[in-house]
PDB file of N, CA and C in Angstrom:
ATOM      1  N   MET A   1       9.237  24.633  -0.537  1.00  0.00           N
ATOM      2  CA  MET A   1       8.518  23.709   0.304  1.00  0.00           C
ATOM      3  C   MET A   1       8.546  22.304  -0.314  1.00  0.00           C
ATOM      4  N   ILE A   2       8.364  22.203  -1.609  1.00  0.00           N
ATOM      5  CA  ILE A   2       8.362  20.903  -2.272  1.00  0.00           C
ATOM      6  C   ILE A   2       9.771  20.269  -2.205  1.00  0.00           C
ATOM      7  N   GLY A   3      10.783  21.107  -2.202  1.00  0.00           N
ATOM      8  CA  GLY A   3      12.159  20.604  -2.119  1.00  0.00           C
ATOM      9  C   GLY A   3      12.431  19.913  -0.798  1.00  0.00           C
ATOM     10  N   ARG A   4      11.946  20.497   0.279  1.00  0.00           N
ATOM     11  CA  ARG A   4      12.148  19.865   1.591  1.00  0.00           C
ATOM     12  C   ARG A   4      11.319  18.581   1.699  1.00  0.00           C
ATOM     13  N   CYS A   5      10.128  18.592   1.125  1.00  0.00           N
ATOM     14  CA  CYS A   5       9.291  17.409   1.129  1.00  0.00           C
ATOM     15  C   CYS A   5       9.963  16.279   0.360  1.00  0.00           C
ATOM     16  N   LEU A   6      10.498  16.581  -0.813  1.00  0.00           N
ATOM     17  CA  LEU A   6      11.164  15.555  -1.589  1.00  0.00           C
ATOM     18  C   LEU A   6      12.445  15.075  -0.908  1.00  0.00           C
ATOM     19  N   ALA A   7      13.155  15.951  -0.260  1.00  0.00           N
ATOM     20  CA  ALA A   7      14.335  15.545   0.487  1.00  0.00           C
ATOM     21  C   ALA A   7      13.972  14.564   1.602  1.00  0.00           C
ATOM     22  N   GLY A   8      12.912  14.854   2.318  1.00  0.00           N
ATOM     23  CA  GLY A   8      12.478  13.951   3.379  1.00  0.00           C
ATOM     24  C   GLY A   8      12.010  12.619   2.865  1.00  0.00           C
ATOM     25  N   VAL A   9      11.293  12.627   1.753  1.00  0.00           N
ATOM     26  CA  VAL A   9      10.767  11.377   1.234  1.00  0.00           C
ATOM     27  C   VAL A   9      11.875  10.527   0.577  1.00  0.00           C
ATOM     28  N   LEU A  10      12.640  11.170  -0.291  1.00  0.00           N
ATOM     29  CA  LEU A  10      13.631  10.397  -1.067  1.00  0.00           C
ATOM     30  C   LEU A  10      14.900  10.080  -0.292  1.00  0.00           C
ATOM     31  N   LEU A  11      15.313  10.949   0.614  1.00  0.00           N
ATOM     32  CA  LEU A  11      16.508  10.669   1.387  1.00  0.00           C
ATOM     33  C   LEU A  11      16.215  10.113   2.785  1.00  0.00           C
ATOM     34  N   GLY A  12      14.985  10.334   3.242  1.00  0.00           N
ATOM     35  CA  GLY A  12      14.625   9.796   4.555  1.00  0.00           C
ATOM     36  C   GLY A  12      14.387   8.292   4.523  1.00  0.00           C
ATOM     37  N   PHE A  13      13.920   7.738   3.421  1.00  0.00           N
ATOM     38  CA  PHE A  13      13.675   6.314   3.309  1.00  0.00           C
ATOM     39  C   PHE A  13      14.972   5.511   3.465  1.00  0.00           C
ATOM     40  N   PRO A  14      16.008   5.783   2.655  1.00  0.00           N
ATOM     41  CA  PRO A  14      17.235   5.019   2.854  1.00  0.00           C
ATOM     42  C   PRO A  14      17.928   5.296   4.178  1.00  0.00           C
ATOM     43  N   LEU A  15      17.783   6.497   4.658  1.00  0.00           N
ATOM     44  CA  LEU A  15      18.389   6.833   5.956  1.00  0.00           C
ATOM     45  C   LEU A  15      17.741   6.057   7.075  1.00  0.00           C
ATOM     46  N   ALA A  16      16.423   5.926   7.074  1.00  0.00           N
ATOM     47  CA  ALA A  16      15.730   5.138   8.059  1.00  0.00           C
ATOM     48  C   ALA A  16      16.163   3.682   7.978  1.00  0.00           C
ATOM     49  N   ALA A  17      16.345   3.174   6.777  1.00  0.00           N
ATOM     50  CA  ALA A  17      16.745   1.788   6.594  1.00  0.00           C
ATOM     51  C   ALA A  17      18.143   1.553   7.115  1.00  0.00           C
ATOM     52  N   VAL A  18      19.058   2.461   6.846  1.00  0.00           N
ATOM     53  CA  VAL A  18      20.430   2.256   7.281  1.00  0.00           C
ATOM     54  C   VAL A  18      20.538   2.446   8.777  1.00  0.00           C
ATOM     55  N   ILE A  19      19.756   3.336   9.396  1.00  0.00           N
ATOM     56  CA  ILE A  19      19.776   3.494  10.823  1.00  0.00           C
ATOM     57  C   ILE A  19      19.325   2.230  11.516  1.00  0.00           C
ATOM     58  N   LEU A  20      18.223   1.662  11.038  1.00  0.00           N
ATOM     59  CA  LEU A  20      17.725   0.415  11.641  1.00  0.00           C
ATOM     60  C   LEU A  20      18.703  -0.723  11.435  1.00  0.00           C
ATOM     61  N   ARG A  21      19.346  -0.768  10.278  1.00  0.00           N
ATOM     62  CA  ARG A  21      20.335  -1.832  10.035  1.00  0.00           C
ATOM     63  C   ARG A  21      21.549  -1.717  10.961  1.00  0.00           C
ATOM     64  N   LEU A  22      21.980  -0.496  11.205  1.00  0.00           N
ATOM     65  CA  LEU A  22      23.088  -0.319  12.119  1.00  0.00           C
ATOM     66  C   LEU A  22      22.732  -0.666  13.550  1.00  0.00           C
ATOM     67  N   VAL A  23      21.507  -0.369  13.936  1.00  0.00           N
ATOM     68  CA  VAL A  23      21.041  -0.733  15.277  1.00  0.00           C
ATOM     69  C   VAL A  23      20.938  -2.252  15.370  1.00  0.00           C
ATOM     70  N   LEU A  24      20.379  -2.890  14.352  1.00  0.00           N
ATOM     71  CA  LEU A  24      20.270  -4.360  14.383  1.00  0.00           C
ATOM     72  C   LEU A  24      21.630  -5.018  14.387  1.00  0.00           C
ATOM     73  N   HIS A  25      22.589  -4.413  13.712  1.00  0.00           N
ATOM     74  CA  HIS A  25      23.957  -4.971  13.699  1.00  0.00           C
ATOM     75  C   HIS A  25      24.589  -4.949  15.102  1.00  0.00           C
ATOM     76  N   ALA A  26      24.219  -3.979  15.902  1.00  0.00           N
ATOM     77  CA  ALA A  26      24.795  -3.867  17.227  1.00  0.00           C
ATOM     78  C   ALA A  26      24.202  -4.898  18.227  1.00  0.00           C
ATOM     79  N   LEU A  27      23.086  -5.484  17.865  1.00  0.00           N
ATOM     80  CA  LEU A  27      22.413  -6.438  18.745  1.00  0.00           C
ATOM     81  C   LEU A  27      23.040  -7.825  18.585  1.00  0.00           C
ATOM     82  N   PRO A  28      22.885  -8.686  19.599  1.00  0.00           N
ATOM     83  CA  PRO A  28      23.402 -10.042  19.458  1.00  0.00           C
ATOM     84  C   PRO A  28      22.694 -10.799  18.324  1.00  0.00           C
ATOM     85  N   ASN A  29      23.420 -11.709  17.711  1.00  0.00           N
ATOM     86  CA  ASN A  29      22.884 -12.532  16.605  1.00  0.00           C
ATOM     87  C   ASN A  29      22.445 -11.631  15.429  1.00  0.00           C
ATOM     88  N   ASP A  30      23.129 -10.526  15.282  1.00  0.00           N
ATOM     89  CA  ASP A  30      22.804  -9.550  14.206  1.00  0.00           C
ATOM     90  C   ASP A  30      21.367  -9.061  14.218  1.00  0.00           C
ATOM     91  N   GLY A  31      20.738  -9.089  15.383  1.00  0.00           N
ATOM     92  CA  GLY A  31      19.410  -8.551  15.557  1.00  0.00           C
ATOM     93  C   GLY A  31      18.293  -9.410  14.960  1.00  0.00           C
ATOM     94  N   ALA A  32      18.558 -10.692  14.767  1.00  0.00           N
ATOM     95  CA  ALA A  32      17.542 -11.582  14.129  1.00  0.00           C
ATOM     96  C   ALA A  32      16.275 -11.636  14.941  1.00  0.00           C
ATOM     97  N   ASP A  33      16.391 -11.570  16.242  1.00  0.00           N
ATOM     98  CA  ASP A  33      15.198 -11.653  17.122  1.00  0.00           C
ATOM     99  C   ASP A  33      14.402 -10.337  17.113  1.00  0.00           C
ATOM    100  N   TRP A  34      15.004  -9.273  16.635  1.00  0.00           N
ATOM    101  CA  TRP A  34      14.357  -7.972  16.664  1.00  0.00           C
ATOM    102  C   TRP A  34      13.964  -7.476  15.273  1.00  0.00           C
ATOM    103  N   LEU A  35      13.996  -8.333  14.291  1.00  0.00           N
ATOM    104  CA  LEU A  35      13.700  -7.918  12.912  1.00  0.00           C
ATOM    105  C   LEU A  35      12.297  -7.374  12.723  1.00  0.00           C
ATOM    106  N   ILE A  36      11.313  -8.080  13.225  1.00  0.00           N
ATOM    107  CA  ILE A  36       9.923  -7.665  13.077  1.00  0.00           C
ATOM    108  C   ILE A  36       9.638  -6.340  13.813  1.00  0.00           C
ATOM    109  N   PRO A  37      10.075  -6.192  15.074  1.00  0.00           N
ATOM    110  CA  PRO A  37       9.882  -4.876  15.708  1.00  0.00           C
ATOM    111  C   PRO A  37      10.594  -3.765  14.966  1.00  0.00           C
ATOM    112  N   ALA A  38      11.764  -4.057  14.394  1.00  0.00           N
ATOM    113  CA  ALA A  38      12.480  -3.030  13.639  1.00  0.00           C
ATOM    114  C   ALA A  38      11.732  -2.647  12.383  1.00  0.00           C
ATOM    115  N   LEU A  39      11.103  -3.594  11.742  1.00  0.00           N
ATOM    116  CA  LEU A  39      10.312  -3.303  10.563  1.00  0.00           C
ATOM    117  C   LEU A  39       9.060  -2.485  10.941  1.00  0.00           C
ATOM    118  N   ILE A  40       8.525  -2.749  12.091  1.00  0.00           N
ATOM    119  CA  ILE A  40       7.385  -1.944  12.552  1.00  0.00           C
ATOM    120  C   ILE A  40       7.833  -0.525  12.896  1.00  0.00           C
ATOM    121  N   LEU A  41       9.046  -0.352  13.392  1.00  0.00           N
ATOM    122  CA  LEU A  41       9.541   0.966  13.750  1.00  0.00           C
ATOM    123  C   LEU A  41      10.019   1.746  12.505  1.00  0.00           C
ATOM    124  N   PHE A  42      10.192   1.087  11.375  1.00  0.00           N
ATOM    125  CA  PHE A  42      10.698   1.755  10.199  1.00  0.00           C
ATOM    126  C   PHE A  42       9.843   2.933   9.761  1.00  0.00           C
ATOM    127  N   PHE A  43       8.527   2.724   9.693  1.00  0.00           N
ATOM    128  CA  PHE A  43       7.626   3.774   9.201  1.00  0.00           C
ATOM    129  C   PHE A  43       7.643   5.021  10.096  1.00  0.00           C
ATOM    130  N   PRO A  44       7.515   4.855  11.434  1.00  0.00           N
ATOM    131  CA  PRO A  44       7.595   6.045  12.274  1.00  0.00           C
ATOM    132  C   PRO A  44       8.926   6.777  12.187  1.00  0.00           C
ATOM    133  N   LEU A  45      10.007   6.000  12.008  1.00  0.00           N
ATOM    134  CA  LEU A  45      11.331   6.664  11.861  1.00  0.00           C
ATOM    135  C   LEU A  45      11.391   7.430  10.574  1.00  0.00           C
ATOM    136  N   TRP A  46      10.857   6.879   9.479  1.00  0.00           N
ATOM    137  CA  TRP A  46      10.827   7.563   8.194  1.00  0.00           C
ATOM    138  C   TRP A  46       9.972   8.800   8.301  1.00  0.00           C
ATOM    139  N   MET A  47       8.835   8.724   8.971  1.00  0.00           N
ATOM    140  CA  MET A  47       7.993   9.898   9.130  1.00  0.00           C
ATOM    141  C   MET A  47       8.712  10.992   9.938  1.00  0.00           C
ATOM    142  N   THR A  48       9.452  10.592  10.953  1.00  0.00           N
ATOM    143  CA  THR A  48      10.228  11.577  11.741  1.00  0.00           C
ATOM    144  C   THR A  48      11.250  12.266  10.898  1.00  0.00           C
ATOM    145  N   LEU A  49      11.906  11.515  10.041  1.00  0.00           N
ATOM    146  CA  LEU A  49      12.892  12.122   9.126  1.00  0.00           C
ATOM    147  C   LEU A  49      12.221  13.073   8.116  1.00  0.00           C
ATOM    148  N   MET A  50      11.042  12.678   7.656  1.00  0.00           N
ATOM    149  CA  MET A  50      10.333  13.577   6.740  1.00  0.00           C
ATOM    150  C   MET A  50       9.902  14.867   7.444  1.00  0.00           C
ATOM    151  N   ILE A  51       9.435  14.724   8.643  1.00  0.00           N
ATOM    152  CA  ILE A  51       9.051  15.910   9.416  1.00  0.00           C
ATOM    153  C   ILE A  51      10.274  16.768   9.725  1.00  0.00           C
ATOM    154  N   GLY A  52      11.360  16.108  10.033  1.00  0.00           N
ATOM    155  CA  GLY A  52      12.615  16.808  10.345  1.00  0.00           C
ATOM    156  C   GLY A  52      13.162  17.595   9.187  1.00  0.00           C
ATOM    157  N   ALA A  53      12.814  17.203   7.952  1.00  0.00           N
ATOM    158  CA  ALA A  53      13.277  17.953   6.808  1.00  0.00           C
ATOM    159  C   ALA A  53      12.694  19.371   6.780  1.00  0.00           C
ATOM    160  N   TYR A  54      11.535  19.537   7.396  1.00  0.00           N
ATOM    161  CA  TYR A  54      10.910  20.868   7.433  1.00  0.00           C
ATOM    162  C   TYR A  54      11.561  21.798   8.478  1.00  0.00           C
ATOM    163  N   ALA A  55      12.458  21.250   9.303  1.00  0.00           N
ATOM    164  CA  ALA A  55      13.142  22.093  10.278  1.00  0.00           C
ATOM    165  C   ALA A  55      14.197  22.968   9.612  1.00  0.00           C
ATOM    166  N   PHE A  56      14.585  22.609   8.412  1.00  0.00           N
ATOM    167  CA  PHE A  56      15.580  23.404   7.682  1.00  0.00           C
ATOM    168  C   PHE A  56      14.929  24.581   7.017  1.00  0.00           C
ATOM    169  N   ARG A  57      15.645  25.683   6.977  1.00  0.00           N
ATOM    170  CA  ARG A  57      15.114  26.889   6.404  1.00  0.00           C
ATOM    171  C   ARG A  57      15.008  26.839   4.910  1.00  0.00           C
ATOM    172  N   HIS A  58      15.989  26.164   4.267  1.00  0.00           N
ATOM    173  CA  HIS A  58      16.023  26.096   2.795  1.00  0.00           C
ATOM    174  C   HIS A  58      16.108  24.619   2.399  1.00  0.00           C
ATOM    175  N   ALA A  59      15.574  24.341   1.214  1.00  0.00           N
ATOM    176  CA  ALA A  59      15.564  22.972   0.714  1.00  0.00           C
ATOM    177  C   ALA A  59      16.977  22.442   0.487  1.00  0.00           C
ATOM    178  N   ALA A  60      17.875  23.301   0.053  1.00  0.00           N
ATOM    179  CA  ALA A  60      19.254  22.879  -0.202  1.00  0.00           C
ATOM    180  C   ALA A  60      19.921  22.351   1.071  1.00  0.00           C
ATOM    181  N   ARG A  61      19.644  22.991   2.192  1.00  0.00           N
ATOM    182  CA  ARG A  61      20.209  22.529   3.449  1.00  0.00           C
ATOM    183  C   ARG A  61      19.633  21.190   3.846  1.00  0.00           C
ATOM    184  N   ALA A  62      18.356  20.983   3.617  1.00  0.00           N
ATOM    185  CA  ALA A  62      17.746  19.694   3.913  1.00  0.00           C
ATOM    186  C   ALA A  62      18.369  18.582   3.060  1.00  0.00           C
ATOM    187  N   TRP A  63      18.549  18.873   1.758  1.00  0.00           N
ATOM    188  CA  TRP A  63      19.176  17.896   0.861  1.00  0.00           C
ATOM    189  C   TRP A  63      20.602  17.591   1.311  1.00  0.00           C
ATOM    190  N   LEU A  64      21.356  18.622   1.685  1.00  0.00           N
ATOM    191  CA  LEU A  64      22.726  18.405   2.103  1.00  0.00           C
ATOM    192  C   LEU A  64      22.818  17.642   3.422  1.00  0.00           C
ATOM    193  N   ALA A  65      21.981  17.980   4.361  1.00  0.00           N
ATOM    194  CA  ALA A  65      22.052  17.319   5.677  1.00  0.00           C
ATOM    195  C   ALA A  65      21.617  15.853   5.575  1.00  0.00           C
ATOM    196  N   LEU A  66      20.484  15.620   4.916  1.00  0.00           N
ATOM    197  CA  LEU A  66      20.002  14.248   4.783  1.00  0.00           C
ATOM    198  C   LEU A  66      20.927  13.419   3.850  1.00  0.00           C
ATOM    199  N   GLY A  67      21.399  14.069   2.816  1.00  0.00           N
ATOM    200  CA  GLY A  67      22.323  13.383   1.925  1.00  0.00           C
ATOM    201  C   GLY A  67      23.616  13.022   2.613  1.00  0.00           C
ATOM    202  N   GLY A  68      24.131  13.963   3.398  1.00  0.00           N
ATOM    203  CA  GLY A  68      25.374  13.706   4.143  1.00  0.00           C
ATOM    204  C   GLY A  68      25.168  12.605   5.180  1.00  0.00           C
ATOM    205  N   ALA A  69      23.981  12.618   5.814  1.00  0.00           N
ATOM    206  CA  ALA A  69      23.696  11.562   6.783  1.00  0.00           C
ATOM    207  C   ALA A  69      23.607  10.185   6.102  1.00  0.00           C
ATOM    208  N   ASN A  70      23.072  10.178   4.895  1.00  0.00           N
ATOM    209  CA  ASN A  70      23.022   8.912   4.114  1.00  0.00           C
ATOM    210  C   ASN A  70      24.409   8.436   3.766  1.00  0.00           C
ATOM    211  N   VAL A  71      25.257   9.352   3.349  1.00  0.00           N
ATOM    212  CA  VAL A  71      26.619   8.973   3.003  1.00  0.00           C
ATOM    213  C   VAL A  71      27.341   8.400   4.203  1.00  0.00           C
ATOM    214  N   VAL A  72      27.223   9.081   5.380  1.00  0.00           N
ATOM    215  CA  VAL A  72      27.883   8.622   6.601  1.00  0.00           C
ATOM    216  C   VAL A  72      27.322   7.251   7.030  1.00  0.00           C
ATOM    217  N   GLY A  73      26.028   7.103   6.958  1.00  0.00           N
ATOM    218  CA  GLY A  73      25.379   5.867   7.377  1.00  0.00           C
ATOM    219  C   GLY A  73      25.773   4.694   6.487  1.00  0.00           C
ATOM    220  N   PHE A  74      25.755   4.889   5.170  1.00  0.00           N
ATOM    221  CA  PHE A  74      26.108   3.815   4.269  1.00  0.00           C
ATOM    222  C   PHE A  74      27.585   3.508   4.311  1.00  0.00           C
ATOM    223  N   LEU A  75      28.420   4.513   4.574  1.00  0.00           N
ATOM    224  CA  LEU A  75      29.852   4.275   4.739  1.00  0.00           C
ATOM    225  C   LEU A  75      30.100   3.459   6.001  1.00  0.00           C
ATOM    226  N   ALA A  76      29.402   3.784   7.092  1.00  0.00           N
ATOM    227  CA  ALA A  76      29.524   2.971   8.313  1.00  0.00           C
ATOM    228  C   ALA A  76      29.077   1.530   8.107  1.00  0.00           C
ATOM    229  N   LEU A  77      27.990   1.360   7.366  1.00  0.00           N
ATOM    230  CA  LEU A  77      27.526   0.046   7.063  1.00  0.00           C
ATOM    231  C   LEU A  77      28.509  -0.732   6.197  1.00  0.00           C
ATOM    232  N   TRP A  78      29.100  -0.063   5.230  1.00  0.00           N
ATOM    233  CA  TRP A  78      30.105  -0.706   4.353  1.00  0.00           C
ATOM    234  C   TRP A  78      31.333  -1.066   5.185  1.00  0.00           C
ATOM    235  N   LEU A  79      31.765  -0.208   6.078  1.00  0.00           N
ATOM    236  CA  LEU A  79      32.934  -0.516   6.896  1.00  0.00           C
ATOM    237  C   LEU A  79      32.681  -1.690   7.864  1.00  0.00           C
ATOM    238  N   LEU A  80      31.455  -1.730   8.380  1.00  0.00           N
ATOM    239  CA  LEU A  80      31.088  -2.887   9.229  1.00  0.00           C
ATOM    240  C   LEU A  80      31.099  -4.179   8.454  1.00  0.00           C
ATOM    241  N   GLY A  81      30.687  -4.131   7.229  1.00  0.00           N
ATOM    242  CA  GLY A  81      30.658  -5.324   6.357  1.00  0.00           C
ATOM    243  C   GLY A  81      32.080  -5.798   6.024  1.00  0.00           C
ATOM    244  N   HIS A  82      32.995  -4.858   5.848  1.00  0.00           N
ATOM    245  CA  HIS A  82      34.353  -5.236   5.507  1.00  0.00           C
ATOM    246  C   HIS A  82      35.207  -5.565   6.719  1.00  0.00           C
ATOM    247  N   ALA A  83      34.753  -5.142   7.927  1.00  0.00           N
ATOM    248  CA  ALA A  83      35.489  -5.432   9.128  1.00  0.00           C
ATOM    249  C   ALA A  83      35.308  -6.861   9.587  1.00  0.00           C
ATOM    250  N   ALA A  84      34.194  -7.462   9.210  1.00  0.00           N
ATOM    251  CA  ALA A  84      33.875  -8.833   9.639  1.00  0.00           C
ATOM    252  C   ALA A  84      34.568  -9.862   8.804  1.00  0.00           C
TER     253      ALA A  84
END
């Protein structure tokens, strides 16, 4: 149980940040007009990811799924940065 909790807390935080950054990147002007609402949405998104970690049967699966999502998200962010 503590493993899933730690996976949600430690991997959910950067995943929430990268999801919001990718959404902001898709908006006009790089989402500058939506920065404050995105920051307000950060905490509920992080909580959702933490709760979602409990949907996994084993802690290792939660770590793998959230870790893999982090890798994919940061890779997409890196590719968007190099594409411009």
